[in-house]
Amino acid sequence: MGYNGQIICAKEYRLRDIFETKFEYFIPSYQRPYAWTVEETETLFDNLYEGFKTKEKMYFLGTVVLIKTEGNPHAEVVDGQQRLTTLSIFVACLISTIKNPSKNRHC
């Protein structure tokens, strides 16, 4: 048994899957604020790039722990908030740059 008597279930997801509509992330108030610096961000992107270069089917980028009910998109982030937030910022910048390449020099 796990949190509040619920069963704990571990799943692997592709990076693109974590940004689908089946996840709506909620950062609880007890979590520390976003605090990553350029150093941690570069390490994450270096690891992401290394995974891309290996051309392996799966590459472990890190753990994100959520409290989530199956079928409900609300997902409380218990662990991995810094990594998830950094990836979200990166994806938002990519989308914005692709849509408006001349207007997005801040990303």
C-alpha atoms as a PDB file:
ATOM      1  CA  MET A   1       0.000   0.000   0.000  1.00  0.00           C
ATOM      2  CA  GLY A   2       1.073   3.563  -0.572  1.00  0.00           C
ATOM      3  CA  TYR A   3      -0.085   7.114  -0.056  1.00  0.00           C
ATOM      4  CA  ASN A   4      -3.447   7.285   1.797  1.00  0.00           C
ATOM      5  CA  GLY A   5      -3.986   3.559   1.333  1.00  0.00           C
ATOM      6  CA  GLN A   6      -3.605   3.730  -2.437  1.00  0.00           C
ATOM      7  CA  ILE A   7      -1.437   1.348  -4.429  1.00  0.00           C
ATOM      8  CA  ILE A   8       1.872   2.767  -5.629  1.00  0.00           C
ATOM      9  CA  CYS A   9       2.497   2.203  -9.315  1.00  0.00           C
ATOM     10  CA  ALA A  10       5.704   2.976 -11.224  1.00  0.00           C
ATOM     11  CA  LYS A  11       5.597   3.627 -14.959  1.00  0.00           C
ATOM     12  CA  GLU A  12       8.075   4.637 -17.613  1.00  0.00           C
ATOM     13  CA  TYR A  13       7.103   7.415 -20.002  1.00  0.00           C
ATOM     14  CA  ARG A  14       8.732   8.881 -23.049  1.00  0.00           C
ATOM     15  CA  LEU A  15       9.728  12.515 -22.665  1.00  0.00           C
ATOM     16  CA  ARG A  16       7.066  13.642 -25.115  1.00  0.00           C
ATOM     17  CA  ASP A  17       4.394  11.728 -23.180  1.00  0.00           C
ATOM     18  CA  ILE A  18       4.829  13.790 -20.020  1.00  0.00           C
ATOM     19  CA  PHE A  19       3.667  16.899 -21.868  1.00  0.00           C
ATOM     20  CA  GLU A  20       0.408  15.389 -23.128  1.00  0.00           C
ATOM     21  CA  THR A  21      -2.995  16.446 -21.830  1.00  0.00           C
ATOM     22  CA  LYS A  22      -3.260  13.395 -19.587  1.00  0.00           C
ATOM     23  CA  PHE A  23      -0.986  15.263 -17.138  1.00  0.00           C
ATOM     24  CA  GLU A  24      -1.856  18.581 -15.481  1.00  0.00           C
ATOM     25  CA  TYR A  25       0.945  19.269 -13.032  1.00  0.00           C
ATOM     26  CA  PHE A  26       0.346  20.864  -9.653  1.00  0.00           C
ATOM     27  CA  ILE A  27       3.238  21.971  -7.451  1.00  0.00           C
ATOM     28  CA  PRO A  28       2.170  21.698  -3.791  1.00  0.00           C
ATOM     29  CA  SER A  29       2.918  24.635  -1.492  1.00  0.00           C
ATOM     30  CA  TYR A  30       5.323  22.518   0.592  1.00  0.00           C
ATOM     31  CA  GLN A  31       7.693  22.194  -2.384  1.00  0.00           C
ATOM     32  CA  ARG A  32      10.632  24.561  -2.551  1.00  0.00           C
ATOM     33  CA  PRO A  33      10.475  27.242  -5.258  1.00  0.00           C
ATOM     34  CA  TYR A  34      12.251  26.794  -8.564  1.00  0.00           C
ATOM     35  CA  ALA A  35      15.938  27.199  -7.812  1.00  0.00           C
ATOM     36  CA  TRP A  36      17.984  25.653 -10.621  1.00  0.00           C
ATOM     37  CA  THR A  37      20.863  27.673 -11.949  1.00  0.00           C
ATOM     38  CA  VAL A  38      22.582  27.542 -15.334  1.00  0.00           C
ATOM     39  CA  GLU A  39      24.804  24.727 -14.016  1.00  0.00           C
ATOM     40  CA  GLU A  40      21.965  22.286 -13.223  1.00  0.00           C
ATOM     41  CA  THR A  41      20.145  23.241 -16.415  1.00  0.00           C
ATOM     42  CA  GLU A  42      23.235  22.603 -18.550  1.00  0.00           C
ATOM     43  CA  THR A  43      23.715  19.214 -16.891  1.00  0.00           C
ATOM     44  CA  LEU A  44      20.120  18.244 -17.683  1.00  0.00           C
ATOM     45  CA  PHE A  45      20.422  19.330 -21.320  1.00  0.00           C
ATOM     46  CA  ASP A  46      23.821  17.633 -21.671  1.00  0.00           C
ATOM     47  CA  ASN A  47      22.228  14.404 -20.399  1.00  0.00           C
ATOM     48  CA  LEU A  48      19.289  14.857 -22.754  1.00  0.00           C
ATOM     49  CA  TYR A  49      21.635  15.379 -25.688  1.00  0.00           C
ATOM     50  CA  GLU A  50      23.744  12.350 -24.715  1.00  0.00           C
ATOM     51  CA  GLY A  51      20.590  10.246 -24.692  1.00  0.00           C
ATOM     52  CA  PHE A  52      19.688  11.571 -28.137  1.00  0.00           C
ATOM     53  CA  LYS A  53      23.159  10.776 -29.501  1.00  0.00           C
ATOM     54  CA  THR A  54      23.130   7.171 -28.260  1.00  0.00           C
ATOM     55  CA  LYS A  55      20.062   6.450 -30.389  1.00  0.00           C
ATOM     56  CA  GLU A  56      18.986   3.939 -27.767  1.00  0.00           C
ATOM     57  CA  LYS A  57      15.290   3.242 -27.579  1.00  0.00           C
ATOM     58  CA  MET A  58      15.222   4.235 -23.897  1.00  0.00           C
ATOM     59  CA  TYR A  59      17.451   6.609 -21.946  1.00  0.00           C
ATOM     60  CA  PHE A  60      16.895   7.322 -18.239  1.00  0.00           C
ATOM     61  CA  LEU A  61      16.679  11.091 -17.800  1.00  0.00           C
ATOM     62  CA  GLY A  62      15.591  11.072 -14.174  1.00  0.00           C
ATOM     63  CA  THR A  63      12.714  10.339 -11.870  1.00  0.00           C
ATOM     64  CA  VAL A  64       9.529  12.326 -11.435  1.00  0.00           C
ATOM     65  CA  VAL A  65       7.257  11.192  -8.607  1.00  0.00           C
ATOM     66  CA  LEU A  66       3.588  12.139  -8.869  1.00  0.00           C
ATOM     67  CA  ILE A  67       0.446  11.550  -6.863  1.00  0.00           C
ATOM     68  CA  LYS A  68      -2.120  10.914  -9.575  1.00  0.00           C
ATOM     69  CA  THR A  69      -5.345   8.983  -9.955  1.00  0.00           C
ATOM     70  CA  GLU A  70      -5.612   6.936 -13.138  1.00  0.00           C
ATOM     71  CA  GLY A  71      -7.845   8.699 -15.661  1.00  0.00           C
ATOM     72  CA  ASN A  72      -7.608  12.074 -13.886  1.00  0.00           C
ATOM     73  CA  PRO A  73      -5.029  14.502 -15.352  1.00  0.00           C
ATOM     74  CA  HIS A  74      -4.370  16.277 -11.991  1.00  0.00           C
ATOM     75  CA  ALA A  75      -0.854  15.243 -10.932  1.00  0.00           C
ATOM     76  CA  GLU A  76       0.734  16.471  -7.718  1.00  0.00           C
ATOM     77  CA  VAL A  77       4.522  16.682  -8.131  1.00  0.00           C
ATOM     78  CA  VAL A  78       6.240  15.047  -5.154  1.00  0.00           C
ATOM     79  CA  ASP A  79       9.752  14.776  -6.600  1.00  0.00           C
ATOM     80  CA  GLY A  80      11.401  15.996  -9.804  1.00  0.00           C
ATOM     81  CA  GLN A  81       9.877  19.471  -9.779  1.00  0.00           C
ATOM     82  CA  GLN A  82      13.109  21.236 -10.792  1.00  0.00           C
ATOM     83  CA  ARG A  83      13.682  18.875 -13.736  1.00  0.00           C
ATOM     84  CA  LEU A  84      10.048  18.972 -14.843  1.00  0.00           C
ATOM     85  CA  THR A  85       9.895  22.783 -14.618  1.00  0.00           C
ATOM     86  CA  THR A  86      13.127  23.181 -16.595  1.00  0.00           C
ATOM     87  CA  LEU A  87      11.880  20.837 -19.318  1.00  0.00           C
ATOM     88  CA  SER A  88       8.553  22.725 -19.410  1.00  0.00           C
ATOM     89  CA  ILE A  89      10.348  26.055 -19.883  1.00  0.00           C
ATOM     90  CA  PHE A  90      12.472  24.510 -22.635  1.00  0.00           C
ATOM     91  CA  VAL A  91       9.458  23.069 -24.472  1.00  0.00           C
ATOM     92  CA  ALA A  92       7.552  26.377 -24.152  1.00  0.00           C
ATOM     93  CA  CYS A  93      10.528  28.248 -25.634  1.00  0.00           C
ATOM     94  CA  LEU A  94      10.827  25.752 -28.487  1.00  0.00           C
ATOM     95  CA  ILE A  95       7.152  26.079 -29.358  1.00  0.00           C
ATOM     96  CA  SER A  96       7.274  29.869 -29.133  1.00  0.00           C
ATOM     97  CA  THR A  97      10.410  30.073 -31.272  1.00  0.00           C
ATOM     98  CA  ILE A  98       8.997  27.748 -33.920  1.00  0.00           C
ATOM     99  CA  LYS A  99       5.778  29.784 -34.120  1.00  0.00           C
ATOM    100  CA  ASN A 100       7.486  33.212 -34.120  1.00  0.00           C
ATOM    101  CA  PRO A 101      11.219  32.808 -34.879  1.00  0.00           C
ATOM    102  CA  SER A 102      11.965  36.526 -35.277  1.00  0.00           C
ATOM    103  CA  LYS A 103      10.202  37.568 -32.039  1.00  0.00           C
ATOM    104  CA  ASN A 104      11.696  35.120 -29.559  1.00  0.00           C
ATOM    105  CA  ARG A 105      15.268  36.048 -28.809  1.00  0.00           C
ATOM    106  CA  HIS A 106      14.707  35.747 -25.040  1.00  0.00           C
ATOM    107  CA  CYS A 107      14.323  31.956 -25.087  1.00  0.00           C
END
